[in-house]
Amino acid sequence: MKSMKPGLIASSLGYAVAFGLGSLSLSASAFEAPGDGVYKDRVDWGVNMDMSGPTSASQAIWVKGFQDYMRKVNEAGGIHGRKVNVLAEDNRYNAATDKIVFEKLVSQTPVIAISGMGTSASQVALAGIIKSGKVPIVGTYTPTRALSEPVTPVVYNGFCGYKEMAQTGIGYYTEKLKLKNPKVMVVAIESAGGKEYFEYVKEVVAKYGGTASMVTMKVTAVDATPQVLEIQAAKPDLITTYGVSNTSISTMKGMQAYGLKTPVFGISYLGSPQMFNAMGPEAGANYTFVSCFTPGGSDQTPGNKEMSAFADKVGNSAMKEDINYVAGWVVAQMAAESLGRAGKEPTRAKLVDALDKGFVVDSKGLAAPIHYTRTDHIGPKVLKIFGYDYTTKKFKHYGEYSDYAKYTK
């Protein structure tokens, strides 16, 4: 497997060395491939996400992280003399709109690749079209089986996998709480992704000799009383939430109202200071989340310091603490480095070929190194547990990524 050099796009100097960039080289190439979104001075890159619908609280922030990293790339001179022009389209969490947006980015305003694809139902619906097409999906926001299995040269997951979330969260709590035959409940929104996550939870729990059950709610729900009553009746040892911010917020506040202290961990999307603040310290004390990304400002790794400094510079200091912002930033790094490897005359076909050779995304501490090979496009595999310290108003790390690698091997 051929790997990218760590920190290949880490700084302005790094870009200048790796890609021969600089203000004097912006018009050096006359190559154009408009049908692939490539022009003399820019490359169009698509983003397809919910920026105004029911999941926009997380997906819109992911888009900001992606855009900010690409802004940093462009300020450093771009890639091979071309700026990266991000065409961010809003699907409003609507499958019909998602299909229109996808077709627009493929042919009407062509892009060299697309990132995001954050709606699980749309991924399932579009899987056949995407896999048989020529536009690579570089860094999905939701890793569904329908789109990612079997492995194809045009699809690369860019977020923590459902299976890895289940393995890490359940493994950690089973050991911490010394559970035997754990009884786990999933609280999930009604979606294809929610069902898929539950199947993984059930599979993992069975390995520990336990059982799993699921209760669902609408994506727009603001009250979880019916779900909390089911939790109270079932008496689970552990709860895990899947959905949008309010899925966890309403569940935790409802449990607090009924005096339930069962530990709860949310999936990676459900980790932001705003969520913990909305829960309040009493309810939030029983809530953690599992993530393959580290919140901005929560440690001093080079990648975290670099991202945090840029977010501060462009006025997005509050966003940097949100896992979704970090995830967008890392996927943009993945996209930029891949585009750099496609050469000075990039096309969709050349980008697909570059990706298919395998690569490593080293975010310098924002995540464990992410390895992609010709037969493995899963994406981030090592996760850990995070909580929130209401006194310091900072995220708490429960160990290091290396402590959790055993759960996903």
Protein backbone atom coordinates (compact mmCIF):
# COMPACT_ATOMS: atom_id res chain seq x y z
CA MET A 1 0.00 0.00 0.00
CA LYS A 2 1.29 3.42 -0.91
CA SER A 3 0.84 5.96 1.90
CA MET A 4 0.70 9.73 1.86
CA LYS A 5 3.38 11.50 3.84
CA PRO A 6 2.09 12.55 7.29
CA GLY A 7 1.14 16.20 7.38
CA LEU A 8 1.43 16.50 3.60
CA ILE A 9 -0.93 19.44 3.64
CA ALA A 10 -0.07 20.66 7.10
CA SER A 11 1.11 24.15 6.31
CA SER A 12 1.71 26.70 3.59
CA LEU A 13 5.31 25.56 3.38
CA GLY A 14 4.15 21.94 3.15
CA TYR A 15 1.98 22.77 0.17
CA ALA A 16 4.75 24.66 -1.53
CA VAL A 17 7.13 21.74 -1.17
CA ALA A 18 4.68 18.92 -1.92
CA PHE A 19 2.81 20.43 -4.81
CA GLY A 20 5.08 23.18 -6.13
CA LEU A 21 2.53 25.83 -5.26
CA GLY A 22 2.63 29.55 -4.71
CA SER A 23 1.04 32.71 -5.96
CA LEU A 24 3.20 32.74 -9.09
CA SER A 25 2.02 29.29 -10.19
CA LEU A 26 -1.73 29.88 -10.21
CA SER A 27 -1.91 30.17 -14.00
CA ALA A 28 0.86 27.71 -14.74
CA SER A 29 -1.42 24.97 -16.08
CA ALA A 30 -3.63 25.42 -19.12
CA PHE A 31 -5.25 21.99 -18.68
CA GLU A 32 -9.02 21.99 -18.34
CA ALA A 33 -11.68 19.28 -18.10
CA PRO A 34 -14.96 21.16 -17.57
CA GLY A 35 -16.97 17.95 -17.66
CA ASP A 36 -15.03 16.83 -14.58
CA GLY A 37 -15.17 20.20 -12.84
CA VAL A 38 -11.55 21.10 -13.63
CA TYR A 39 -10.58 24.56 -14.91
CA LYS A 40 -7.33 26.49 -15.35
CA ASP A 41 -7.57 28.22 -12.00
CA ARG A 42 -9.89 25.99 -9.95
CA VAL A 43 -11.26 22.52 -9.29
CA ASP A 44 -14.92 22.20 -8.32
CA TRP A 45 -15.58 19.79 -5.44
CA GLY A 46 -19.11 18.92 -4.37
CA VAL A 47 -20.64 18.60 -0.91
CA ASN A 48 -24.14 17.12 -0.52
CA MET A 49 -25.52 17.60 3.01
CA ASP A 50 -28.51 18.76 5.04
CA MET A 51 -27.88 22.43 5.80
CA SER A 52 -31.39 23.59 6.67
CA GLY A 53 -33.43 20.49 7.52
CA PRO A 54 -33.90 18.41 10.70
CA THR A 55 -30.27 17.16 10.84
CA SER A 56 -28.67 20.50 9.98
CA ALA A 57 -27.55 21.09 13.59
CA SER A 58 -24.80 18.53 12.95
CA GLN A 59 -24.46 18.36 9.16
CA ALA A 60 -24.22 22.12 8.57
CA ILE A 61 -21.36 22.29 11.07
CA TRP A 62 -19.62 19.43 9.25
CA VAL A 63 -19.88 21.52 6.07
CA LYS A 64 -18.26 24.50 7.84
CA GLY A 65 -15.35 22.30 8.92
CA PHE A 66 -14.92 21.07 5.35
CA GLN A 67 -15.10 24.60 3.93
CA ASP A 68 -12.66 26.00 6.48
CA TYR A 69 -10.00 23.39 5.71
CA MET A 70 -10.35 24.07 2.00
CA ARG A 71 -10.14 27.81 2.72
CA LYS A 72 -6.86 27.11 4.48
CA VAL A 73 -5.69 25.12 1.45
CA ASN A 74 -6.61 27.96 -0.90
CA GLU A 75 -4.90 30.59 1.25
CA ALA A 76 -1.74 28.48 0.94
CA GLY A 77 -1.96 28.57 -2.87
CA GLY A 78 -4.37 25.74 -3.66
CA ILE A 79 -3.38 22.41 -5.15
CA HIS A 80 -1.06 22.35 -8.16
CA GLY A 81 -1.88 26.00 -8.75
CA ARG A 82 -5.66 25.57 -8.64
CA LYS A 83 -8.00 26.72 -5.89
CA VAL A 84 -10.55 24.22 -4.60
CA ASN A 85 -14.04 25.60 -5.16
CA VAL A 86 -16.50 23.91 -2.78
CA LEU A 87 -20.00 23.62 -4.23
CA ALA A 88 -22.06 22.91 -1.10
CA GLU A 89 -25.62 21.78 -1.88
CA ASP A 90 -28.45 21.55 0.66
CA ASN A 91 -30.54 18.37 0.42
CA ARG A 92 -32.69 19.35 3.45
CA TYR A 93 -32.68 15.69 4.61
CA ASN A 94 -35.04 14.84 1.78
CA ALA A 95 -34.39 11.78 -0.40
CA ALA A 96 -35.99 13.33 -3.49
CA THR A 97 -33.93 16.51 -3.13
CA ASP A 98 -30.83 14.42 -2.49
CA LYS A 99 -31.24 12.70 -5.85
CA ILE A 100 -31.66 16.05 -7.62
CA VAL A 101 -28.57 17.45 -5.91
CA PHE A 102 -26.51 14.38 -6.77
CA GLU A 103 -27.49 14.52 -10.44
CA LYS A 104 -26.73 18.25 -10.51
CA LEU A 105 -23.21 17.70 -9.18
CA VAL A 106 -22.60 14.84 -11.61
CA SER A 107 -23.66 16.58 -14.80
CA GLN A 108 -25.22 20.05 -14.53
CA THR A 109 -22.51 21.80 -12.51
CA PRO A 110 -19.94 19.00 -12.69
CA VAL A 111 -17.56 18.35 -9.82
CA ILE A 112 -14.53 16.11 -9.71
CA ALA A 113 -15.81 14.37 -6.58
CA ILE A 114 -18.44 14.60 -3.84
CA SER A 115 -18.11 14.48 -0.06
CA GLY A 116 -20.77 14.15 2.62
CA MET A 117 -23.86 12.24 1.47
CA GLY A 118 -25.22 12.46 5.02
CA THR A 119 -28.68 10.90 4.65
CA SER A 120 -28.73 7.12 5.11
CA ALA A 121 -32.01 6.62 3.23
CA SER A 122 -30.63 8.52 0.25
CA GLN A 123 -27.43 6.49 0.28
CA VAL A 124 -29.49 3.31 0.09
CA ALA A 125 -31.61 4.72 -2.74
CA LEU A 126 -28.65 6.05 -4.74
CA ALA A 127 -26.18 3.22 -4.06
CA GLY A 128 -26.61 1.55 -7.43
CA ILE A 129 -26.24 4.79 -9.40
CA ILE A 130 -23.19 5.87 -7.41
CA LYS A 131 -21.39 2.54 -7.67
CA SER A 132 -21.93 2.28 -11.40
CA GLY A 133 -20.87 5.88 -12.00
CA LYS A 134 -17.55 7.64 -12.37
CA VAL A 135 -17.78 10.35 -9.68
CA PRO A 136 -15.96 9.30 -6.50
CA ILE A 137 -17.58 9.81 -3.10
CA VAL A 138 -14.64 10.84 -0.92
CA GLY A 139 -15.52 10.86 2.77
CA THR A 140 -19.13 9.91 3.47
CA TYR A 141 -20.79 11.36 6.56
CA THR A 142 -22.92 8.25 7.09
CA PRO A 143 -21.36 4.81 6.46
CA THR A 144 -24.24 2.61 5.26
CA ARG A 145 -23.74 -0.98 4.16
CA ALA A 146 -25.71 -0.38 0.97
CA LEU A 147 -23.18 2.16 -0.27
CA SER A 148 -19.96 0.77 1.21
CA GLU A 149 -20.44 -2.98 0.72
CA PRO A 150 -19.07 -4.56 -1.34
CA VAL A 151 -16.00 -2.35 -1.67
CA THR A 152 -15.95 -0.20 -4.79
CA PRO A 153 -13.23 2.17 -6.12
CA VAL A 154 -15.63 5.13 -6.04
CA VAL A 155 -16.79 5.12 -2.38
CA TYR A 156 -14.71 5.94 0.74
CA ASN A 157 -16.21 6.27 4.19
CA GLY A 158 -15.06 9.30 6.15
CA PHE A 159 -16.85 9.02 9.48
CA CYS A 160 -16.78 6.66 12.44
CA GLY A 161 -18.46 3.41 11.41
CA TYR A 162 -21.63 2.16 13.08
CA LYS A 163 -20.01 -1.19 13.82
CA GLU A 164 -16.94 0.43 15.38
CA MET A 165 -19.13 2.78 17.46
CA ALA A 166 -21.07 -0.18 18.82
CA GLN A 167 -17.94 -2.25 19.47
CA THR A 168 -16.15 0.56 21.31
CA GLY A 169 -19.03 1.88 23.41
CA ILE A 170 -20.37 -1.49 24.47
CA GLY A 171 -16.92 -2.96 25.02
CA TYR A 172 -15.83 -0.03 27.18
CA TYR A 173 -18.94 0.02 29.37
CA THR A 174 -19.15 -3.76 29.70
CA GLU A 175 -15.66 -3.71 31.18
CA LYS A 176 -16.08 -0.50 33.21
CA LEU A 177 -19.38 -1.57 34.78
CA LYS A 178 -18.25 -5.22 35.05
CA LEU A 179 -21.41 -6.34 33.28
CA LYS A 180 -22.25 -9.97 32.72
CA ASN A 181 -24.81 -10.70 30.03
CA PRO A 182 -25.38 -6.95 29.43
CA LYS A 183 -28.87 -5.70 28.64
CA VAL A 184 -28.57 -2.83 26.16
CA MET A 185 -31.26 -0.55 24.70
CA VAL A 186 -30.90 1.55 21.56
CA VAL A 187 -32.86 4.81 21.30
CA ALA A 188 -32.87 5.75 17.62
CA ILE A 189 -34.62 7.90 15.08
CA GLU A 190 -36.71 6.08 12.48
CA SER A 191 -34.19 5.69 9.68
CA ALA A 192 -32.22 3.12 7.69
CA GLY A 193 -29.12 4.11 9.63
CA GLY A 194 -30.88 3.61 12.96
CA LYS A 195 -31.89 0.08 12.01
CA GLU A 196 -28.38 -0.69 10.80
CA TYR A 197 -26.82 0.64 14.00
CA PHE A 198 -29.16 -1.50 16.08
CA GLU A 199 -28.14 -4.62 14.15
CA TYR A 200 -24.50 -3.92 14.97
CA VAL A 201 -25.33 -3.29 18.63
CA LYS A 202 -27.25 -6.56 18.80
CA GLU A 203 -24.33 -8.40 17.20
CA VAL A 204 -21.78 -6.94 19.63
CA VAL A 205 -23.94 -7.47 22.72
CA ALA A 206 -24.47 -11.12 21.79
CA LYS A 207 -20.71 -11.67 21.95
CA TYR A 208 -20.83 -10.61 25.60
CA GLY A 209 -23.73 -12.97 26.25
CA GLY A 210 -26.28 -10.18 26.45
CA THR A 211 -29.42 -8.96 24.70
CA ALA A 212 -30.38 -5.78 22.88
CA SER A 213 -33.67 -4.00 22.21
CA MET A 214 -34.63 -0.82 20.39
CA VAL A 215 -37.11 2.01 20.83
CA THR A 216 -37.57 4.59 18.06
CA MET A 217 -38.66 8.20 17.76
CA LYS A 218 -39.30 10.70 14.98
CA VAL A 219 -36.34 12.75 13.76
CA THR A 220 -38.30 15.91 14.69
CA ALA A 221 -39.33 14.69 18.16
CA VAL A 222 -38.83 17.14 21.04
CA ASP A 223 -40.17 14.94 23.84
CA ALA A 224 -38.98 11.44 24.73
CA THR A 225 -41.49 10.57 27.46
CA PRO A 226 -42.87 7.47 25.65
CA GLN A 227 -39.33 6.22 25.04
CA VAL A 228 -38.29 6.90 28.65
CA LEU A 229 -41.28 4.92 29.91
CA GLU A 230 -40.12 1.98 27.78
CA ILE A 231 -36.62 2.37 29.21
CA GLN A 232 -38.05 2.39 32.73
CA ALA A 233 -39.98 -0.82 32.05
CA ALA A 234 -37.07 -2.61 30.34
CA LYS A 235 -34.46 -1.71 33.00
CA PRO A 236 -31.40 -1.90 30.68
CA ASP A 237 -27.83 -1.85 32.01
CA LEU A 238 -26.74 0.52 29.25
CA ILE A 239 -28.37 2.78 26.65
CA THR A 240 -26.97 4.07 23.37
CA THR A 241 -28.55 6.83 21.26
CA TYR A 242 -28.59 7.24 17.49
CA GLY A 243 -30.03 10.24 15.66
CA VAL A 244 -29.86 14.01 15.89
CA SER A 245 -28.95 16.31 18.76
CA ASN A 246 -32.43 16.33 20.23
CA THR A 247 -32.56 12.53 20.27
CA SER A 248 -29.98 12.53 23.05
CA ILE A 249 -31.07 15.79 24.68
CA SER A 250 -34.72 14.78 25.06
CA THR A 251 -33.77 11.26 26.18
CA MET A 252 -31.42 12.51 28.89
CA LYS A 253 -33.82 15.20 30.16
CA GLY A 254 -36.67 12.70 30.18
CA MET A 255 -34.59 10.18 32.12
CA GLN A 256 -33.64 12.89 34.61
CA ALA A 257 -37.32 13.72 35.14
CA TYR A 258 -38.03 10.07 35.96
CA GLY A 259 -34.94 9.68 38.15
CA LEU A 260 -33.22 7.18 35.83
CA LYS A 261 -29.42 7.07 36.13
CA THR A 262 -28.62 4.44 33.50
CA PRO A 263 -25.38 5.28 31.64
CA VAL A 264 -25.95 6.49 28.07
CA PHE A 265 -23.48 6.88 25.23
CA GLY A 266 -24.32 8.62 21.98
CA ILE A 267 -22.89 7.93 18.55
CA SER A 268 -20.15 10.22 17.26
CA TYR A 269 -22.47 12.78 15.67
CA LEU A 270 -23.99 13.46 19.07
CA GLY A 271 -21.05 15.19 20.73
CA SER A 272 -21.10 18.97 21.07
CA PRO A 273 -20.90 21.47 23.95
CA GLN A 274 -24.33 22.77 22.96
CA MET A 275 -25.86 19.35 23.55
CA PHE A 276 -24.30 18.97 26.99
CA ASN A 277 -25.37 22.49 27.94
CA ALA A 278 -28.92 21.79 26.78
CA MET A 279 -29.01 18.65 28.95
CA GLY A 280 -27.64 20.42 32.00
CA PRO A 281 -25.07 19.04 34.46
CA GLU A 282 -27.36 16.61 36.27
CA ALA A 283 -28.58 14.82 33.14
CA GLY A 284 -25.30 15.30 31.30
CA ALA A 285 -23.34 13.58 34.07
CA ASN A 286 -24.68 10.24 32.82
CA TYR A 287 -24.00 10.93 29.15
CA THR A 288 -20.89 10.32 27.05
CA PHE A 289 -20.28 9.82 23.35
CA VAL A 290 -18.00 7.56 21.36
CA SER A 291 -15.95 9.16 18.61
CA CYS A 292 -13.10 8.63 16.18
CA PHE A 293 -12.46 12.41 16.21
CA THR A 294 -11.20 14.69 18.99
CA PRO A 295 -13.04 17.94 19.83
CA GLY A 296 -11.12 21.09 19.00
CA GLY A 297 -9.31 22.72 21.91
CA SER A 298 -9.48 19.61 24.10
CA ASP A 299 -5.81 18.63 23.73
CA GLN A 300 -2.54 20.00 22.42
CA THR A 301 -1.78 17.67 19.54
CA PRO A 302 -0.36 19.44 16.46
CA GLY A 303 -3.49 18.76 14.41
CA ASN A 304 -5.79 20.08 17.11
CA LYS A 305 -3.72 23.22 17.63
CA GLU A 306 -3.62 23.88 13.88
CA MET A 307 -7.36 23.43 13.39
CA SER A 308 -8.24 25.41 16.51
CA ALA A 309 -6.02 28.32 15.49
CA PHE A 310 -7.63 28.52 12.04
CA ALA A 311 -11.16 28.26 13.46
CA ASP A 312 -10.33 31.12 15.83
CA LYS A 313 -8.92 33.13 12.95
CA VAL A 314 -12.07 32.85 10.82
CA GLY A 315 -14.53 33.35 13.67
CA ASN A 316 -15.58 29.72 14.20
CA SER A 317 -14.14 29.21 17.69
CA ALA A 318 -17.38 27.77 19.05
CA MET A 319 -17.72 25.30 16.18
CA LYS A 320 -14.27 23.78 16.63
CA GLU A 321 -15.44 21.96 19.77
CA ASP A 322 -18.13 20.14 17.82
CA ILE A 323 -17.15 16.68 16.58
CA ASN A 324 -18.94 17.38 13.32
CA TYR A 325 -16.70 20.38 12.56
CA VAL A 326 -13.62 18.23 13.20
CA ALA A 327 -14.99 15.46 10.98
CA GLY A 328 -15.57 17.90 8.12
CA TRP A 329 -12.06 19.28 8.55
CA VAL A 330 -10.47 15.80 8.41
CA VAL A 331 -12.50 14.73 5.37
CA ALA A 332 -11.43 17.93 3.59
CA GLN A 333 -7.82 17.02 4.38
CA MET A 334 -8.49 13.60 2.89
CA ALA A 335 -10.03 15.22 -0.20
CA ALA A 336 -7.21 17.73 -0.66
CA GLU A 337 -4.44 15.18 -0.30
CA SER A 338 -6.20 12.82 -2.72
CA LEU A 339 -6.60 15.61 -5.25
CA GLY A 340 -2.91 16.41 -4.91
CA ARG A 341 -2.04 12.82 -5.77
CA ALA A 342 -4.22 12.96 -8.91
CA GLY A 343 -1.54 15.13 -10.52
CA LYS A 344 -1.32 18.48 -12.27
CA GLU A 345 -3.98 17.50 -14.81
CA PRO A 346 -6.62 15.91 -12.58
CA THR A 347 -9.76 14.19 -13.85
CA ARG A 348 -12.36 12.02 -12.19
CA ALA A 349 -10.67 8.92 -13.60
CA LYS A 350 -7.22 9.96 -12.34
CA LEU A 351 -8.63 10.74 -8.90
CA VAL A 352 -10.32 7.34 -8.72
CA ASP A 353 -7.05 5.69 -9.75
CA ALA A 354 -5.09 7.63 -7.10
CA LEU A 355 -7.57 6.66 -4.40
CA ASP A 356 -7.61 3.02 -5.45
CA LYS A 357 -3.87 2.67 -4.85
CA GLY A 358 -4.41 3.16 -1.11
CA PHE A 359 -3.49 6.00 1.20
CA VAL A 360 -3.26 7.13 4.82
CA VAL A 361 -4.81 10.25 6.31
CA ASP A 362 -2.67 11.49 9.22
CA SER A 363 -4.53 14.31 10.96
CA LYS A 364 -1.72 14.74 13.51
CA GLY A 365 -3.85 13.85 16.51
CA LEU A 366 -7.39 14.84 15.53
CA ALA A 367 -7.96 11.15 14.86
CA ALA A 368 -5.91 7.98 14.85
CA PRO A 369 -4.26 7.55 11.41
CA ILE A 370 -6.91 6.45 8.91
CA HIS A 371 -5.80 3.69 6.54
CA TYR A 372 -7.44 2.98 3.19
CA THR A 373 -6.40 0.06 1.01
CA ARG A 374 -7.78 -1.33 -2.23
CA THR A 375 -9.97 -3.74 -0.25
CA ASP A 376 -10.71 -1.62 2.83
CA HIS A 377 -12.61 1.66 2.56
CA ILE A 378 -14.16 1.57 6.05
CA GLY A 379 -12.40 4.75 7.21
CA PRO A 380 -11.76 5.61 10.87
CA LYS A 381 -11.59 2.43 12.94
CA VAL A 382 -10.19 3.49 16.31
CA LEU A 383 -12.54 5.38 18.65
CA LYS A 384 -12.68 6.41 22.28
CA ILE A 385 -15.11 7.75 24.87
CA PHE A 386 -15.57 11.44 25.65
CA GLY A 387 -17.54 13.24 28.33
CA TYR A 388 -17.99 16.86 29.38
CA ASP A 389 -16.64 18.72 32.41
CA TYR A 390 -19.23 21.34 33.37
CA THR A 391 -16.76 23.08 35.69
CA THR A 392 -14.04 23.71 33.11
CA LYS A 393 -16.50 23.65 30.18
CA LYS A 394 -14.15 21.33 28.31
CA PHE A 395 -14.48 17.82 26.96
CA LYS A 396 -13.03 14.99 29.03
CA HIS A 397 -10.98 12.22 27.43
CA TYR A 398 -11.38 8.75 28.87
CA GLY A 399 -7.96 7.43 27.89
CA GLU A 400 -6.19 7.50 24.53
CA TYR A 401 -7.11 6.04 21.15
CA SER A 402 -4.55 3.30 21.68
CA ASP A 403 -6.48 2.11 24.77
CA TYR A 404 -9.53 1.37 22.63
CA ALA A 405 -7.96 -0.29 19.61
CA LYS A 406 -8.64 -3.71 21.14
CA TYR A 407 -12.40 -3.30 20.72
CA THR A 408 -12.35 -2.90 16.94
CA LYS A 409 -9.62 -5.37 15.96
